[in-house]
């Protein structure tokens, strides 16, 4: 049997009035978004682009690589096994992530053992 307060309301209802109140829904996410520092995208030199192109041609499914690429607001480096190279769509699949060739700025292939 539920407990009641002096004014006849169930005690569980009374507790609800002390729950946190978010009057500004989404405010904290917006504030965090404003704090984010965006790193500008760098253009590759012609020589660097040629070197990167030669590396991309040599990458095969199953290779272990480390790739540096531009992702939303800055450069990220990830290592993993190549799931596929989609030359038609100009994308490199690293695990479940699909990386456009245009976003890649460096690739390092690891020697197979």
Protein backbone atom coordinates (compact mmCIF):
# COMPACT_ATOMS: atom_id res chain seq x y z
CA UNK A 1 0.00 0.00 0.00
CA UNK A 2 1.54 3.36 -0.98
CA UNK A 3 2.41 6.02 1.57
CA UNK A 4 0.65 9.39 1.34
CA UNK A 5 1.71 12.92 2.29
CA UNK A 6 -0.36 15.29 4.48
CA UNK A 7 -2.18 16.70 1.44
CA UNK A 8 -3.16 13.23 0.18
CA UNK A 9 -0.64 12.83 -2.66
CA UNK A 10 1.39 9.62 -2.97
CA UNK A 11 4.93 10.06 -1.62
CA UNK A 12 6.38 8.91 -4.99
CA UNK A 13 4.69 11.90 -6.71
CA UNK A 14 6.26 14.26 -4.16
CA UNK A 15 9.74 13.00 -5.05
CA UNK A 16 9.18 13.93 -8.69
CA UNK A 17 9.18 17.64 -7.83
CA UNK A 18 12.82 17.40 -6.75
CA UNK A 19 14.04 15.86 -10.02
CA UNK A 20 16.39 18.04 -12.08
CA UNK A 21 14.67 20.46 -14.41
CA UNK A 22 16.19 21.23 -17.81
CA UNK A 23 14.38 24.35 -18.95
CA UNK A 24 16.86 24.92 -21.75
CA UNK A 25 16.81 21.59 -23.56
CA UNK A 26 19.92 21.25 -25.70
CA UNK A 27 21.67 24.26 -24.13
CA UNK A 28 24.58 22.27 -22.70
CA UNK A 29 25.18 20.46 -26.00
CA UNK A 30 25.17 23.80 -27.81
CA UNK A 31 27.64 25.27 -25.30
CA UNK A 32 29.98 22.29 -25.78
CA UNK A 33 29.69 22.67 -29.56
CA UNK A 34 30.76 26.33 -29.29
CA UNK A 35 33.87 25.34 -27.31
CA UNK A 36 35.10 22.97 -30.02
CA UNK A 37 38.19 24.19 -31.86
CA UNK A 38 38.07 23.50 -35.59
CA UNK A 39 41.37 22.78 -37.32
CA UNK A 40 41.41 24.03 -40.91
CA UNK A 41 41.98 21.54 -43.72
CA UNK A 42 45.47 21.67 -45.26
CA UNK A 43 46.09 21.40 -48.99
CA UNK A 44 48.69 18.83 -50.03
CA UNK A 45 51.59 19.90 -52.20
CA UNK A 46 51.81 18.30 -55.63
CA UNK A 47 54.69 16.08 -54.49
CA UNK A 48 52.85 14.98 -51.36
CA UNK A 49 49.72 14.23 -53.40
CA UNK A 50 51.75 12.05 -55.80
CA UNK A 51 53.38 10.17 -52.92
CA UNK A 52 49.99 9.61 -51.31
CA UNK A 53 48.55 8.41 -54.61
CA UNK A 54 51.37 5.86 -54.99
CA UNK A 55 50.73 4.62 -51.44
CA UNK A 56 46.99 4.30 -52.07
CA UNK A 57 47.60 2.18 -55.18
CA UNK A 58 49.65 -0.29 -53.12
CA UNK A 59 47.08 -0.67 -50.30
CA UNK A 60 45.24 -4.00 -50.41
CA UNK A 61 42.43 -5.54 -48.40
CA UNK A 62 43.85 -7.09 -45.23
CA UNK A 63 46.83 -4.70 -45.01
CA UNK A 64 47.60 -3.19 -41.62
CA UNK A 65 47.88 0.58 -42.04
CA UNK A 66 47.96 3.84 -40.13
CA UNK A 67 46.05 6.60 -41.89
CA UNK A 68 45.76 10.30 -41.07
CA UNK A 69 42.67 12.00 -42.44
CA UNK A 70 40.43 15.03 -41.96
CA UNK A 71 37.29 14.23 -39.98
CA UNK A 72 34.66 16.95 -39.36
CA UNK A 73 36.77 19.43 -37.45
CA UNK A 74 40.35 18.22 -37.42
CA UNK A 75 42.88 15.60 -38.38
CA UNK A 76 42.61 12.11 -36.90
CA UNK A 77 45.04 9.19 -37.08
CA UNK A 78 43.66 5.66 -37.00
CA UNK A 79 45.36 2.30 -37.34
CA UNK A 80 43.67 -0.87 -38.46
CA UNK A 81 43.13 -3.52 -41.08
CA UNK A 82 41.93 -2.42 -44.50
CA UNK A 83 38.43 -3.80 -45.12
CA UNK A 84 38.46 -2.66 -48.74
CA UNK A 85 39.58 -0.08 -51.27
CA UNK A 86 36.68 1.32 -53.30
CA UNK A 87 38.40 2.88 -56.30
CA UNK A 88 35.10 3.63 -58.04
CA UNK A 89 33.81 5.64 -55.07
CA UNK A 90 37.29 6.94 -54.08
CA UNK A 91 36.98 5.58 -50.55
CA UNK A 92 39.13 3.50 -48.21
CA UNK A 93 37.34 1.24 -45.73
CA UNK A 94 39.23 0.83 -42.46
CA UNK A 95 37.20 -1.51 -40.28
CA UNK A 96 33.67 -0.10 -40.34
CA UNK A 97 34.80 3.44 -41.20
CA UNK A 98 34.73 4.66 -44.80
CA UNK A 99 37.30 7.40 -45.53
CA UNK A 100 37.17 9.48 -48.73
CA UNK A 101 40.50 9.61 -50.59
CA UNK A 102 40.29 13.44 -50.61
CA UNK A 103 40.32 13.52 -46.80
CA UNK A 104 43.47 11.39 -46.46
CA UNK A 105 46.74 13.25 -45.93
CA UNK A 106 49.07 10.36 -44.95
CA UNK A 107 49.19 6.58 -45.09
CA UNK A 108 51.76 4.33 -43.47
CA UNK A 109 51.71 0.65 -44.42
CA UNK A 110 53.14 -1.79 -41.90
CA UNK A 111 55.36 -4.61 -43.08
CA UNK A 112 53.57 -7.96 -43.26
CA UNK A 113 54.93 -10.62 -40.95
